[in-house]
Amino acid sequence: MIKSNIHIGEKIGLILSEKKLSKAKFAKLLEVKPQSVDYLLKRKSIDTDTLYKISMLLDYDFFDFFRIHERDFEQRNFDIIPAKAKVLIELELEKEDMEKLNLKQKIINKFETFRNKIPS
């Protein structure tokens, strides 16, 4: 199982400091005891509902710490690499453009090829 190296309690503590919000005031906003805030700030991870509530209260997107950035995605090793990829593009063409591209006949040919591959 892949785990993050993010200590979310520390991140929340930093934002509380930046916003100059005391633990007592934060506890009141969260509707918990001040001891619960101390415990929360020591936690490496917390449940998503709590993190969402904290994000809303502090007007800060803590989930951003967990976003997979493009560079992280490129560095991962994938066991499965598809042999083909399907790309769907929707275009709006005028009739004359369709005729120039011979799309109608190409679509008919594709369906015929597909139909011929189906065993009887």
PDB file of N, CA and C in Angstrom:
ATOM      1  N   MET A   1       0.841  -1.184   0.000  1.00  0.00           N
ATOM      2  CA  MET A   1       0.000   0.000   0.000  1.00  0.00           C
ATOM      3  C   MET A   1       0.882   1.243   0.000  1.00  0.00           C
ATOM      4  N   ILE A   2       0.593   2.161  -0.884  1.00  0.00           N
ATOM      5  CA  ILE A   2       1.345   3.406  -0.973  1.00  0.00           C
ATOM      6  C   ILE A   2       0.815   4.373   0.081  1.00  0.00           C
ATOM      7  N   LYS A   3       1.731   4.963   0.849  1.00  0.00           N
ATOM      8  CA  LYS A   3       1.331   5.941   1.867  1.00  0.00           C
ATOM      9  C   LYS A   3       1.978   7.279   1.538  1.00  0.00           C
ATOM     10  N   SER A   4       1.314   8.332   1.936  1.00  0.00           N
ATOM     11  CA  SER A   4       1.872   9.661   1.704  1.00  0.00           C
ATOM     12  C   SER A   4       2.875   9.995   2.796  1.00  0.00           C
ATOM     13  N   ASN A   5       3.723  10.927   2.501  1.00  0.00           N
ATOM     14  CA  ASN A   5       4.665  11.407   3.517  1.00  0.00           C
ATOM     15  C   ASN A   5       4.183  12.739   4.100  1.00  0.00           C
ATOM     16  N   ILE A   6       2.893  12.974   3.982  1.00  0.00           N
ATOM     17  CA  ILE A   6       2.288  14.226   4.453  1.00  0.00           C
ATOM     18  C   ILE A   6       1.760  14.029   5.870  1.00  0.00           C
ATOM     19  N   HIS A   7       2.137  14.907   6.766  1.00  0.00           N
ATOM     20  CA  HIS A   7       1.618  14.896   8.135  1.00  0.00           C
ATOM     21  C   HIS A   7       0.554  15.981   8.191  1.00  0.00           C
ATOM     22  N   ILE A   8      -0.693  15.581   8.000  1.00  0.00           N
ATOM     23  CA  ILE A   8      -1.773  16.558   7.849  1.00  0.00           C
ATOM     24  C   ILE A   8      -1.993  17.379   9.114  1.00  0.00           C
ATOM     25  N   GLY A   9      -1.756  16.787  10.281  1.00  0.00           N
ATOM     26  CA  GLY A   9      -1.901  17.552  11.528  1.00  0.00           C
ATOM     27  C   GLY A   9      -0.954  18.739  11.571  1.00  0.00           C
ATOM     28  N   GLU A  10       0.291  18.518  11.132  1.00  0.00           N
ATOM     29  CA  GLU A  10       1.262  19.620  11.085  1.00  0.00           C
ATOM     30  C   GLU A  10       0.823  20.699  10.105  1.00  0.00           C
ATOM     31  N   LYS A  11       0.285  20.273   8.955  1.00  0.00           N
ATOM     32  CA  LYS A  11      -0.181  21.246   7.945  1.00  0.00           C
ATOM     33  C   LYS A  11      -1.317  22.096   8.505  1.00  0.00           C
ATOM     34  N   ILE A  12      -2.234  21.455   9.212  1.00  0.00           N
ATOM     35  CA  ILE A  12      -3.346  22.202   9.815  1.00  0.00           C
ATOM     36  C   ILE A  12      -2.805  23.182  10.853  1.00  0.00           C
ATOM     37  N   GLY A  13      -1.838  22.731  11.658  1.00  0.00           N
ATOM     38  CA  GLY A  13      -1.219  23.612  12.658  1.00  0.00           C
ATOM     39  C   GLY A  13      -0.573  24.830  12.024  1.00  0.00           C
ATOM     40  N   LEU A  14       0.091  24.637  10.879  1.00  0.00           N
ATOM     41  CA  LEU A  14       0.721  25.770  10.184  1.00  0.00           C
ATOM     42  C   LEU A  14      -0.322  26.787   9.718  1.00  0.00           C
ATOM     43  N   ILE A  15      -1.411  26.293   9.188  1.00  0.00           N
ATOM     44  CA  ILE A  15      -2.463  27.205   8.705  1.00  0.00           C
ATOM     45  C   ILE A  15      -3.127  27.927   9.874  1.00  0.00           C
ATOM     46  N   LEU A  16      -3.318  27.221  10.980  1.00  0.00           N
ATOM     47  CA  LEU A  16      -3.857  27.890  12.176  1.00  0.00           C
ATOM     48  C   LEU A  16      -2.946  29.035  12.594  1.00  0.00           C
ATOM     49  N   SER A  17      -1.636  28.789  12.559  1.00  0.00           N
ATOM     50  CA  SER A  17      -0.666  29.832  12.924  1.00  0.00           C
ATOM     51  C   SER A  17      -0.726  31.006  11.952  1.00  0.00           C
ATOM     52  N   GLU A  18      -0.757  30.682  10.658  1.00  0.00           N
ATOM     53  CA  GLU A  18      -0.814  31.737   9.638  1.00  0.00           C
ATOM     54  C   GLU A  18      -2.061  32.597   9.802  1.00  0.00           C
ATOM     55  N   LYS A  19      -3.153  31.961  10.151  1.00  0.00           N
ATOM     56  CA  LYS A  19      -4.421  32.683  10.310  1.00  0.00           C
ATOM     57  C   LYS A  19      -4.577  33.260  11.711  1.00  0.00           C
ATOM     58  N   LYS A  20      -3.551  33.039  12.545  1.00  0.00           N
ATOM     59  CA  LYS A  20      -3.551  33.542  13.924  1.00  0.00           C
ATOM     60  C   LYS A  20      -4.818  33.110  14.668  1.00  0.00           C
ATOM     61  N   LEU A  21      -5.159  31.845  14.508  1.00  0.00           N
ATOM     62  CA  LEU A  21      -6.340  31.276  15.146  1.00  0.00           C
ATOM     63  C   LEU A  21      -5.886  30.367  16.286  1.00  0.00           C
ATOM     64  N   SER A  22      -6.354  30.663  17.489  1.00  0.00           N
ATOM     65  CA  SER A  22      -5.953  29.861  18.655  1.00  0.00           C
ATOM     66  C   SER A  22      -6.583  28.471  18.591  1.00  0.00           C
ATOM     67  N   LYS A  23      -5.949  27.552  19.306  1.00  0.00           N
ATOM     68  CA  LYS A  23      -6.493  26.187  19.381  1.00  0.00           C
ATOM     69  C   LYS A  23      -7.878  26.203  20.034  1.00  0.00           C
ATOM     70  N   ALA A  24      -8.046  27.063  21.036  1.00  0.00           N
ATOM     71  CA  ALA A  24      -9.331  27.152  21.736  1.00  0.00           C
ATOM     72  C   ALA A  24     -10.437  27.627  20.784  1.00  0.00           C
ATOM     73  N   LYS A  25     -10.136  28.653  20.015  1.00  0.00           N
ATOM     74  CA  LYS A  25     -11.125  29.182  19.059  1.00  0.00           C
ATOM     75  C   LYS A  25     -11.418  28.130  17.973  1.00  0.00           C
ATOM     76  N   PHE A  26     -10.362  27.456  17.523  1.00  0.00           N
ATOM     77  CA  PHE A  26     -10.522  26.418  16.516  1.00  0.00           C
ATOM     78  C   PHE A  26     -11.376  25.267  17.054  1.00  0.00           C
ATOM     79  N   ALA A  27     -11.144  24.893  18.299  1.00  0.00           N
ATOM     80  CA  ALA A  27     -11.936  23.830  18.938  1.00  0.00           C
ATOM     81  C   ALA A  27     -13.409  24.224  18.985  1.00  0.00           C
ATOM     82  N   LYS A  28     -13.648  25.489  19.284  1.00  0.00           N
ATOM     83  CA  LYS A  28     -15.032  25.976  19.347  1.00  0.00           C
ATOM     84  C   LYS A  28     -15.694  25.908  17.970  1.00  0.00           C
ATOM     85  N   LEU A  29     -14.943  26.290  16.930  1.00  0.00           N
ATOM     86  CA  LEU A  29     -15.471  26.239  15.567  1.00  0.00           C
ATOM     87  C   LEU A  29     -15.752  24.797  15.134  1.00  0.00           C
ATOM     88  N   LEU A  30     -14.860  23.890  15.544  1.00  0.00           N
ATOM     89  CA  LEU A  30     -15.016  22.476  15.200  1.00  0.00           C
ATOM     90  C   LEU A  30     -16.057  21.773  16.076  1.00  0.00           C
ATOM     91  N   GLU A  31     -16.447  22.455  17.142  1.00  0.00           N
ATOM     92  CA  GLU A  31     -17.398  21.908  18.115  1.00  0.00           C
ATOM     93  C   GLU A  31     -16.825  20.669  18.799  1.00  0.00           C
ATOM     94  N   VAL A  32     -15.540  20.795  19.219  1.00  0.00           N
ATOM     95  CA  VAL A  32     -14.860  19.715  19.946  1.00  0.00           C
ATOM     96  C   VAL A  32     -14.146  20.313  21.152  1.00  0.00           C
ATOM     97  N   LYS A  33     -13.650  19.467  22.025  1.00  0.00           N
ATOM     98  CA  LYS A  33     -12.876  19.917  23.184  1.00  0.00           C
ATOM     99  C   LYS A  33     -11.479  20.336  22.725  1.00  0.00           C
ATOM    100  N   PRO A  34     -10.855  21.286  23.420  1.00  0.00           N
ATOM    101  CA  PRO A  34      -9.498  21.713  23.054  1.00  0.00           C
ATOM    102  C   PRO A  34      -8.501  20.545  23.011  1.00  0.00           C
ATOM    103  N   GLN A  35      -8.695  19.526  23.874  1.00  0.00           N
ATOM    104  CA  GLN A  35      -7.808  18.368  23.862  1.00  0.00           C
ATOM    105  C   GLN A  35      -7.901  17.623  22.525  1.00  0.00           C
ATOM    106  N   SER A  36      -9.072  17.660  21.921  1.00  0.00           N
ATOM    107  CA  SER A  36      -9.256  16.997  20.623  1.00  0.00           C
ATOM    108  C   SER A  36      -8.453  17.690  19.534  1.00  0.00           C
ATOM    109  N   VAL A  37      -8.326  19.004  19.648  1.00  0.00           N
ATOM    110  CA  VAL A  37      -7.513  19.749  18.679  1.00  0.00           C
ATOM    111  C   VAL A  37      -6.045  19.371  18.848  1.00  0.00           C
ATOM    112  N   ASP A  38      -5.579  19.265  20.091  1.00  0.00           N
ATOM    113  CA  ASP A  38      -4.201  18.831  20.339  1.00  0.00           C
ATOM    114  C   ASP A  38      -3.954  17.465  19.709  1.00  0.00           C
ATOM    115  N   TYR A  39      -4.895  16.561  19.916  1.00  0.00           N
ATOM    116  CA  TYR A  39      -4.781  15.209  19.351  1.00  0.00           C
ATOM    117  C   TYR A  39      -4.771  15.272  17.823  1.00  0.00           C
ATOM    118  N   LEU A  40      -5.653  16.075  17.244  1.00  0.00           N
ATOM    119  CA  LEU A  40      -5.762  16.216  15.800  1.00  0.00           C
ATOM    120  C   LEU A  40      -4.451  16.710  15.185  1.00  0.00           C
ATOM    121  N   LEU A  41      -3.826  17.691  15.834  1.00  0.00           N
ATOM    122  CA  LEU A  41      -2.599  18.270  15.301  1.00  0.00           C
ATOM    123  C   LEU A  41      -1.408  17.317  15.384  1.00  0.00           C
ATOM    124  N   LYS A  42      -1.533  16.262  16.180  1.00  0.00           N
ATOM    125  CA  LYS A  42      -0.479  15.249  16.275  1.00  0.00           C
ATOM    126  C   LYS A  42      -0.690  14.113  15.279  1.00  0.00           C
ATOM    127  N   ARG A  43      -1.851  14.087  14.654  1.00  0.00           N
ATOM    128  CA  ARG A  43      -2.205  12.988  13.749  1.00  0.00           C
ATOM    129  C   ARG A  43      -1.533  13.154  12.388  1.00  0.00           C
ATOM    130  N   LYS A  44      -1.016  12.058  11.851  1.00  0.00           N
ATOM    131  CA  LYS A  44      -0.450  12.060  10.506  1.00  0.00           C
ATOM    132  C   LYS A  44      -1.577  12.038   9.476  1.00  0.00           C
ATOM    133  N   SER A  45      -2.672  11.356   9.824  1.00  0.00           N
ATOM    134  CA  SER A  45      -3.803  11.286   8.902  1.00  0.00           C
ATOM    135  C   SER A  45      -5.108  11.429   9.691  1.00  0.00           C
ATOM    136  N   ILE A  46      -6.129  11.901   8.975  1.00  0.00           N
ATOM    137  CA  ILE A  46      -7.460  12.022   9.576  1.00  0.00           C
ATOM    138  C   ILE A  46      -8.482  11.629   8.516  1.00  0.00           C
ATOM    139  N   ASP A  47      -9.711  11.402   8.939  1.00  0.00           N
ATOM    140  CA  ASP A  47     -10.728  11.001   7.970  1.00  0.00           C
ATOM    141  C   ASP A  47     -11.111  12.180   7.076  1.00  0.00           C
ATOM    142  N   THR A  48     -11.608  11.855   5.900  1.00  0.00           N
ATOM    143  CA  THR A  48     -11.882  12.887   4.894  1.00  0.00           C
ATOM    144  C   THR A  48     -13.011  13.829   5.306  1.00  0.00           C
ATOM    145  N   ASP A  49     -14.012  13.342   6.020  1.00  0.00           N
ATOM    146  CA  ASP A  49     -15.097  14.226   6.449  1.00  0.00           C
ATOM    147  C   ASP A  49     -14.569  15.316   7.384  1.00  0.00           C
ATOM    148  N   THR A  50     -13.690  14.916   8.298  1.00  0.00           N
ATOM    149  CA  THR A  50     -13.102  15.889   9.226  1.00  0.00           C
ATOM    150  C   THR A  50     -12.220  16.868   8.458  1.00  0.00           C
ATOM    151  N   LEU A  51     -11.425  16.350   7.529  1.00  0.00           N
ATOM    152  CA  LEU A  51     -10.551  17.223   6.742  1.00  0.00           C
ATOM    153  C   LEU A  51     -11.371  18.202   5.905  1.00  0.00           C
ATOM    154  N   TYR A  52     -12.493  17.741   5.381  1.00  0.00           N
ATOM    155  CA  TYR A  52     -13.373  18.614   4.608  1.00  0.00           C
ATOM    156  C   TYR A  52     -13.930  19.734   5.494  1.00  0.00           C
ATOM    157  N   LYS A  53     -14.387  19.353   6.678  1.00  0.00           N
ATOM    158  CA  LYS A  53     -14.945  20.349   7.607  1.00  0.00           C
ATOM    159  C   LYS A  53     -13.875  21.385   7.980  1.00  0.00           C
ATOM    160  N   ILE A  54     -12.665  20.916   8.255  1.00  0.00           N
ATOM    161  CA  ILE A  54     -11.558  21.828   8.604  1.00  0.00           C
ATOM    162  C   ILE A  54     -11.233  22.738   7.422  1.00  0.00           C
ATOM    163  N   SER A  55     -11.229  22.170   6.221  1.00  0.00           N
ATOM    164  CA  SER A  55     -10.960  22.970   5.017  1.00  0.00           C
ATOM    165  C   SER A  55     -11.984  24.084   4.869  1.00  0.00           C
ATOM    166  N   MET A  56     -13.244  23.759   5.121  1.00  0.00           N
ATOM    167  CA  MET A  56     -14.306  24.764   5.007  1.00  0.00           C
ATOM    168  C   MET A  56     -14.170  25.835   6.090  1.00  0.00           C
ATOM    169  N   LEU A  57     -13.890  25.401   7.323  1.00  0.00           N
ATOM    170  CA  LEU A  57     -13.776  26.354   8.431  1.00  0.00           C
ATOM    171  C   LEU A  57     -12.593  27.310   8.262  1.00  0.00           C
ATOM    172  N   LEU A  58     -11.479  26.776   7.761  1.00  0.00           N
ATOM    173  CA  LEU A  58     -10.274  27.598   7.620  1.00  0.00           C
ATOM    174  C   LEU A  58     -10.120  28.212   6.236  1.00  0.00           C
ATOM    175  N   ASP A  59     -11.091  27.923   5.363  1.00  0.00           N
ATOM    176  CA  ASP A  59     -11.042  28.421   3.993  1.00  0.00           C
ATOM    177  C   ASP A  59      -9.684  28.094   3.355  1.00  0.00           C
ATOM    178  N   TYR A  60      -9.325  26.808   3.464  1.00  0.00           N
ATOM    179  CA  TYR A  60      -8.038  26.346   2.930  1.00  0.00           C
ATOM    180  C   TYR A  60      -8.231  24.922   2.419  1.00  0.00           C
ATOM    181  N   ASP A  61      -7.774  24.647   1.198  1.00  0.00           N
ATOM    182  CA  ASP A  61      -7.942  23.326   0.600  1.00  0.00           C
ATOM    183  C   ASP A  61      -6.801  22.398   1.014  1.00  0.00           C
ATOM    184  N   PHE A  62      -6.992  21.680   2.113  1.00  0.00           N
ATOM    185  CA  PHE A  62      -5.976  20.741   2.593  1.00  0.00           C
ATOM    186  C   PHE A  62      -5.840  19.535   1.668  1.00  0.00           C
ATOM    187  N   PHE A  63      -6.855  19.268   0.876  1.00  0.00           N
ATOM    188  CA  PHE A  63      -6.780  18.152  -0.060  1.00  0.00           C
ATOM    189  C   PHE A  63      -5.742  18.404  -1.150  1.00  0.00           C
ATOM    190  N   ASP A  64      -5.392  19.656  -1.343  1.00  0.00           N
ATOM    191  CA  ASP A  64      -4.395  19.995  -2.359  1.00  0.00           C
ATOM    192  C   ASP A  64      -3.050  19.319  -2.065  1.00  0.00           C
ATOM    193  N   PHE A  65      -2.763  19.061  -0.808  1.00  0.00           N
ATOM    194  CA  PHE A  65      -1.513  18.383  -0.462  1.00  0.00           C
ATOM    195  C   PHE A  65      -1.466  16.967  -1.036  1.00  0.00           C
ATOM    196  N   PHE A  66      -2.622  16.393  -1.317  1.00  0.00           N
ATOM    197  CA  PHE A  66      -2.690  15.007  -1.761  1.00  0.00           C
ATOM    198  C   PHE A  66      -2.906  14.859  -3.261  1.00  0.00           C
ATOM    199  N   ARG A  67      -2.978  15.954  -3.987  1.00  0.00           N
ATOM    200  CA  ARG A  67      -3.200  15.877  -5.422  1.00  0.00           C
ATOM    201  C   ARG A  67      -1.984  15.258  -6.103  1.00  0.00           C
ATOM    202  N   ILE A  68      -2.255  14.430  -7.086  1.00  0.00           N
ATOM    203  CA  ILE A  68      -1.177  13.831  -7.865  1.00  0.00           C
ATOM    204  C   ILE A  68      -0.841  14.808  -8.974  1.00  0.00           C
ATOM    205  N   HIS A  69       0.337  15.330  -8.920  1.00  0.00           N
ATOM    206  CA  HIS A  69       0.767  16.291  -9.931  1.00  0.00           C
ATOM    207  C   HIS A  69       1.303  15.546 -11.142  1.00  0.00           C
ATOM    208  N   GLU A  70       1.301  16.202 -12.264  1.00  0.00           N
ATOM    209  CA  GLU A  70       1.710  15.577 -13.517  1.00  0.00           C
ATOM    210  C   GLU A  70       3.095  14.945 -13.411  1.00  0.00           C
ATOM    211  N   ARG A  71       4.016  15.612 -12.759  1.00  0.00           N
ATOM    212  CA  ARG A  71       5.370  15.057 -12.656  1.00  0.00           C
ATOM    213  C   ARG A  71       5.372  13.782 -11.820  1.00  0.00           C
ATOM    214  N   ASP A  72       4.545  13.722 -10.792  1.00  0.00           N
ATOM    215  CA  ASP A  72       4.446  12.515  -9.983  1.00  0.00           C
ATOM    216  C   ASP A  72       3.860  11.374 -10.805  1.00  0.00           C
ATOM    217  N   PHE A  73       2.890  11.715 -11.635  1.00  0.00           N
ATOM    218  CA  PHE A  73       2.230  10.713 -12.459  1.00  0.00           C
ATOM    219  C   PHE A  73       3.209  10.114 -13.457  1.00  0.00           C
ATOM    220  N   GLU A  74       4.042  10.954 -14.069  1.00  0.00           N
ATOM    221  CA  GLU A  74       4.997  10.482 -15.061  1.00  0.00           C
ATOM    222  C   GLU A  74       6.071   9.603 -14.452  1.00  0.00           C
ATOM    223  N   GLN A  75       6.393   9.797 -13.185  1.00  0.00           N
ATOM    224  CA  GLN A  75       7.457   9.040 -12.549  1.00  0.00           C
ATOM    225  C   GLN A  75       7.013   7.661 -12.087  1.00  0.00           C
ATOM    226  N   ARG A  76       5.722   7.410 -12.058  1.00  0.00           N
ATOM    227  CA  ARG A  76       5.236   6.120 -11.580  1.00  0.00           C
ATOM    228  C   ARG A  76       5.473   5.041 -12.623  1.00  0.00           C
ATOM    229  N   ASN A  77       5.713   3.839 -12.143  1.00  0.00           N
ATOM    230  CA  ASN A  77       5.842   2.686 -13.031  1.00  0.00           C
ATOM    231  C   ASN A  77       4.491   1.994 -13.104  1.00  0.00           C
ATOM    232  N   PHE A  78       4.028   1.755 -14.322  1.00  0.00           N
ATOM    233  CA  PHE A  78       2.760   1.090 -14.496  1.00  0.00           C
ATOM    234  C   PHE A  78       2.993  -0.320 -15.001  1.00  0.00           C
ATOM    235  N   ASP A  79       2.313  -1.279 -14.401  1.00  0.00           N
ATOM    236  CA  ASP A  79       2.422  -2.664 -14.831  1.00  0.00           C
ATOM    237  C   ASP A  79       1.626  -2.901 -16.104  1.00  0.00           C
ATOM    238  N   ILE A  80       0.557  -2.153 -16.280  1.00  0.00           N
ATOM    239  CA  ILE A  80      -0.310  -2.369 -17.425  1.00  0.00           C
ATOM    240  C   ILE A  80      -0.233  -1.166 -18.357  1.00  0.00           C
ATOM    241  N   ILE A  81       0.191  -1.427 -19.580  1.00  0.00           N
ATOM    242  CA  ILE A  81       0.225  -0.384 -20.605  1.00  0.00           C
ATOM    243  C   ILE A  81      -0.651  -0.882 -21.745  1.00  0.00           C
ATOM    244  N   PRO A  82      -1.719  -0.183 -22.039  1.00  0.00           N
ATOM    245  CA  PRO A  82      -2.629  -0.680 -23.069  1.00  0.00           C
ATOM    246  C   PRO A  82      -1.988  -0.695 -24.450  1.00  0.00           C
ATOM    247  N   ALA A  83      -2.378  -1.682 -25.263  1.00  0.00           N
ATOM    248  CA  ALA A  83      -1.874  -1.783 -26.628  1.00  0.00           C
ATOM    249  C   ALA A  83      -2.550  -0.761 -27.531  1.00  0.00           C
ATOM    250  N   LYS A  84      -3.762  -0.379 -27.165  1.00  0.00           N
ATOM    251  CA  LYS A  84      -4.510   0.602 -27.945  1.00  0.00           C
ATOM    252  C   LYS A  84      -5.159   1.599 -27.000  1.00  0.00           C
ATOM    253  N   ALA A  85      -5.456   2.755 -27.529  1.00  0.00           N
ATOM    254  CA  ALA A  85      -6.195   3.756 -26.768  1.00  0.00           C
ATOM    255  C   ALA A  85      -7.288   4.310 -27.670  1.00  0.00           C
ATOM    256  N   LYS A  86      -8.432   4.522 -27.093  1.00  0.00           N
ATOM    257  CA  LYS A  86      -9.542   5.083 -27.849  1.00  0.00           C
ATOM    258  C   LYS A  86      -9.672   6.556 -27.488  1.00  0.00           C
ATOM    259  N   VAL A  87      -9.698   7.399 -28.518  1.00  0.00           N
ATOM    260  CA  VAL A  87      -9.845   8.829 -28.318  1.00  0.00           C
ATOM    261  C   VAL A  87     -11.115   9.261 -29.039  1.00  0.00           C
ATOM    262  N   LEU A  88     -12.019   9.852 -28.292  1.00  0.00           N
ATOM    263  CA  LEU A  88     -13.264  10.320 -28.888  1.00  0.00           C
ATOM    264  C   LEU A  88     -13.223  11.833 -29.007  1.00  0.00           C
ATOM    265  N   ILE A  89     -13.516  12.311 -30.201  1.00  0.00           N
ATOM    266  CA  ILE A  89     -13.531  13.747 -30.453  1.00  0.00           C
ATOM    267  C   ILE A  89     -14.865  14.072 -31.107  1.00  0.00           C
ATOM    268  N   GLU A  90     -15.490  15.102 -30.614  1.00  0.00           N
ATOM    269  CA  GLU A  90     -16.755  15.516 -31.197  1.00  0.00           C
ATOM    270  C   GLU A  90     -16.526  16.779 -32.009  1.00  0.00           C
ATOM    271  N   LEU A  91     -16.868  16.698 -33.286  1.00  0.00           N
ATOM    272  CA  LEU A  91     -16.728  17.837 -34.181  1.00  0.00           C
ATOM    273  C   LEU A  91     -18.071  18.144 -34.824  1.00  0.00           C
ATOM    274  N   GLU A  92     -18.300  19.398 -35.070  1.00  0.00           N
ATOM    275  CA  GLU A  92     -19.503  19.774 -35.793  1.00  0.00           C
ATOM    276  C   GLU A  92     -19.063  20.235 -37.179  1.00  0.00           C
ATOM    277  N   LEU A  93     -19.469  19.471 -38.196  1.00  0.00           N
ATOM    278  CA  LEU A  93     -19.052  19.766 -39.559  1.00  0.00           C
ATOM    279  C   LEU A  93     -20.245  20.144 -40.420  1.00  0.00           C
ATOM    280  N   GLU A  94     -19.990  21.008 -41.363  1.00  0.00           N
ATOM    281  CA  GLU A  94     -21.010  21.338 -42.353  1.00  0.00           C
ATOM    282  C   GLU A  94     -21.089  20.195 -43.365  1.00  0.00           C
ATOM    283  N   LYS A  95     -22.193  20.099 -44.067  1.00  0.00           N
ATOM    284  CA  LYS A  95     -22.411  19.010 -45.020  1.00  0.00           C
ATOM    285  C   LYS A  95     -21.289  18.962 -46.060  1.00  0.00           C
ATOM    286  N   GLU A  96     -20.902  20.111 -46.573  1.00  0.00           N
ATOM    287  CA  GLU A  96     -19.858  20.129 -47.614  1.00  0.00           C
ATOM    288  C   GLU A  96     -18.509  19.641 -47.081  1.00  0.00           C
ATOM    289  N   ASP A  97     -18.234  19.918 -45.786  1.00  0.00           N
ATOM    290  CA  ASP A  97     -16.992  19.421 -45.177  1.00  0.00           C
ATOM    291  C   ASP A  97     -17.032  17.898 -45.047  1.00  0.00           C
ATOM    292  N   MET A  98     -18.210  17.379 -44.689  1.00  0.00           N
ATOM    293  CA  MET A  98     -18.348  15.928 -44.573  1.00  0.00           C
ATOM    294  C   MET A  98     -18.148  15.267 -45.936  1.00  0.00           C
ATOM    295  N   GLU A  99     -18.693  15.903 -46.974  1.00  0.00           N
ATOM    296  CA  GLU A  99     -18.537  15.348 -48.322  1.00  0.00           C
ATOM    297  C   GLU A  99     -17.080  15.392 -48.755  1.00  0.00           C
ATOM    298  N   LYS A 100     -16.388  16.486 -48.458  1.00  0.00           N
ATOM    299  CA  LYS A 100     -14.973  16.601 -48.817  1.00  0.00           C
ATOM    300  C   LYS A 100     -14.135  15.529 -48.131  1.00  0.00           C
ATOM    301  N   LEU A 101     -14.453  15.248 -46.888  1.00  0.00           N
ATOM    302  CA  LEU A 101     -13.687  14.257 -46.124  1.00  0.00           C
ATOM    303  C   LEU A 101     -14.153  12.822 -46.389  1.00  0.00           C
ATOM    304  N   ASN A 102     -15.239  12.699 -47.122  1.00  0.00           N
ATOM    305  CA  ASN A 102     -15.793  11.386 -47.444  1.00  0.00           C
ATOM    306  C   ASN A 102     -16.118  10.598 -46.172  1.00  0.00           C
ATOM    307  N   LEU A 103     -16.589  11.295 -45.154  1.00  0.00           N
ATOM    308  CA  LEU A 103     -16.845  10.667 -43.859  1.00  0.00           C
ATOM    309  C   LEU A 103     -17.958   9.641 -43.904  1.00  0.00           C
ATOM    310  N   LYS A 104     -19.002   9.940 -44.637  1.00  0.00           N
ATOM    311  CA  LYS A 104     -20.127   9.019 -44.680  1.00  0.00           C
ATOM    312  C   LYS A 104     -19.674   7.647 -45.173  1.00  0.00           C
ATOM    313  N   GLN A 105     -18.919   7.626 -46.255  1.00  0.00           N
ATOM    314  CA  GLN A 105     -18.458   6.352 -46.815  1.00  0.00           C
ATOM    315  C   GLN A 105     -17.463   5.671 -45.874  1.00  0.00           C
ATOM    316  N   LYS A 106     -16.608   6.435 -45.224  1.00  0.00           N
ATOM    317  CA  LYS A 106     -15.640   5.855 -44.283  1.00  0.00           C
ATOM    318  C   LYS A 106     -16.346   5.212 -43.097  1.00  0.00           C
ATOM    319  N   ILE A 107     -17.397   5.831 -42.622  1.00  0.00           N
ATOM    320  CA  ILE A 107     -18.165   5.274 -41.503  1.00  0.00           C
ATOM    321  C   ILE A 107     -18.861   3.993 -41.938  1.00  0.00           C
ATOM    322  N   ILE A 108     -19.460   4.018 -43.117  1.00  0.00           N
ATOM    323  CA  ILE A 108     -20.127   2.817 -43.650  1.00  0.00           C
ATOM    324  C   ILE A 108     -19.110   1.683 -43.786  1.00  0.00           C
ATOM    325  N   ASN A 109     -17.935   1.986 -44.305  1.00  0.00           N
ATOM    326  CA  ASN A 109     -16.887   0.961 -44.471  1.00  0.00           C
ATOM    327  C   ASN A 109     -16.463   0.372 -43.129  1.00  0.00           C
ATOM    328  N   LYS A 110     -16.331   1.198 -42.120  1.00  0.00           N
ATOM    329  CA  LYS A 110     -15.947   0.718 -40.786  1.00  0.00           C
ATOM    330  C   LYS A 110     -16.983  -0.250 -40.243  1.00  0.00           C
ATOM    331  N   PHE A 111     -18.274   0.116 -40.386  1.00  0.00           N
ATOM    332  CA  PHE A 111     -19.331  -0.760 -39.907  1.00  0.00           C
ATOM    333  C   PHE A 111     -19.351  -2.075 -40.686  1.00  0.00           C
ATOM    334  N   GLU A 112     -19.125  -2.012 -41.971  1.00  0.00           N
ATOM    335  CA  GLU A 112     -19.089  -3.228 -42.793  1.00  0.00           C
ATOM    336  C   GLU A 112     -17.945  -4.130 -42.360  1.00  0.00           C
ATOM    337  N   THR A 113     -16.788  -3.548 -42.131  1.00  0.00           N
ATOM    338  CA  THR A 113     -15.622  -4.316 -41.681  1.00  0.00           C
ATOM    339  C   THR A 113     -15.916  -4.980 -40.346  1.00  0.00           C
ATOM    340  N   PHE A 114     -16.509  -4.230 -39.441  1.00  0.00           N
ATOM    341  CA  PHE A 114     -16.859  -4.761 -38.127  1.00  0.00           C
ATOM    342  C   PHE A 114     -17.874  -5.895 -38.253  1.00  0.00           C
ATOM    343  N   ARG A 115     -18.897  -5.690 -39.084  1.00  0.00           N
ATOM    344  CA  ARG A 115     -19.953  -6.686 -39.254  1.00  0.00           C
ATOM    345  C   ARG A 115     -19.394  -7.970 -39.872  1.00  0.00           C
ATOM    346  N   ASN A 116     -18.436  -7.844 -40.755  1.00  0.00           N
ATOM    347  CA  ASN A 116     -17.835  -9.023 -41.390  1.00  0.00           C
ATOM    348  C   ASN A 116     -16.978  -9.831 -40.422  1.00  0.00           C
ATOM    349  N   LYS A 117     -16.506  -9.202 -39.351  1.00  0.00           N
ATOM    350  CA  LYS A 117     -15.680  -9.898 -38.354  1.00  0.00           C
ATOM    351  C   LYS A 117     -16.509 -10.697 -37.372  1.00  0.00           C
ATOM    352  N   ILE A 118     -17.790 -10.421 -37.289  1.00  0.00           N
ATOM    353  CA  ILE A 118     -18.673 -11.119 -36.350  1.00  0.00           C
ATOM    354  C   ILE A 118     -19.007 -12.489 -36.919  1.00  0.00           C
ATOM    355  N   PRO A 119     -18.698 -13.561 -36.157  1.00  0.00           N
ATOM    356  CA  PRO A 119     -19.004 -14.911 -36.662  1.00  0.00           C
ATOM    357  C   PRO A 119     -20.516 -15.132 -36.794  1.00  0.00           C
ATOM    358  N   SER A 120     -20.880 -15.843 -37.810  1.00  0.00           N
ATOM    359  CA  SER A 120     -22.317 -16.112 -38.056  1.00  0.00           C
ATOM    360  C   SER A 120     -22.801 -17.289 -37.254  1.00  0.00           C
TER     361      SER A 120
END
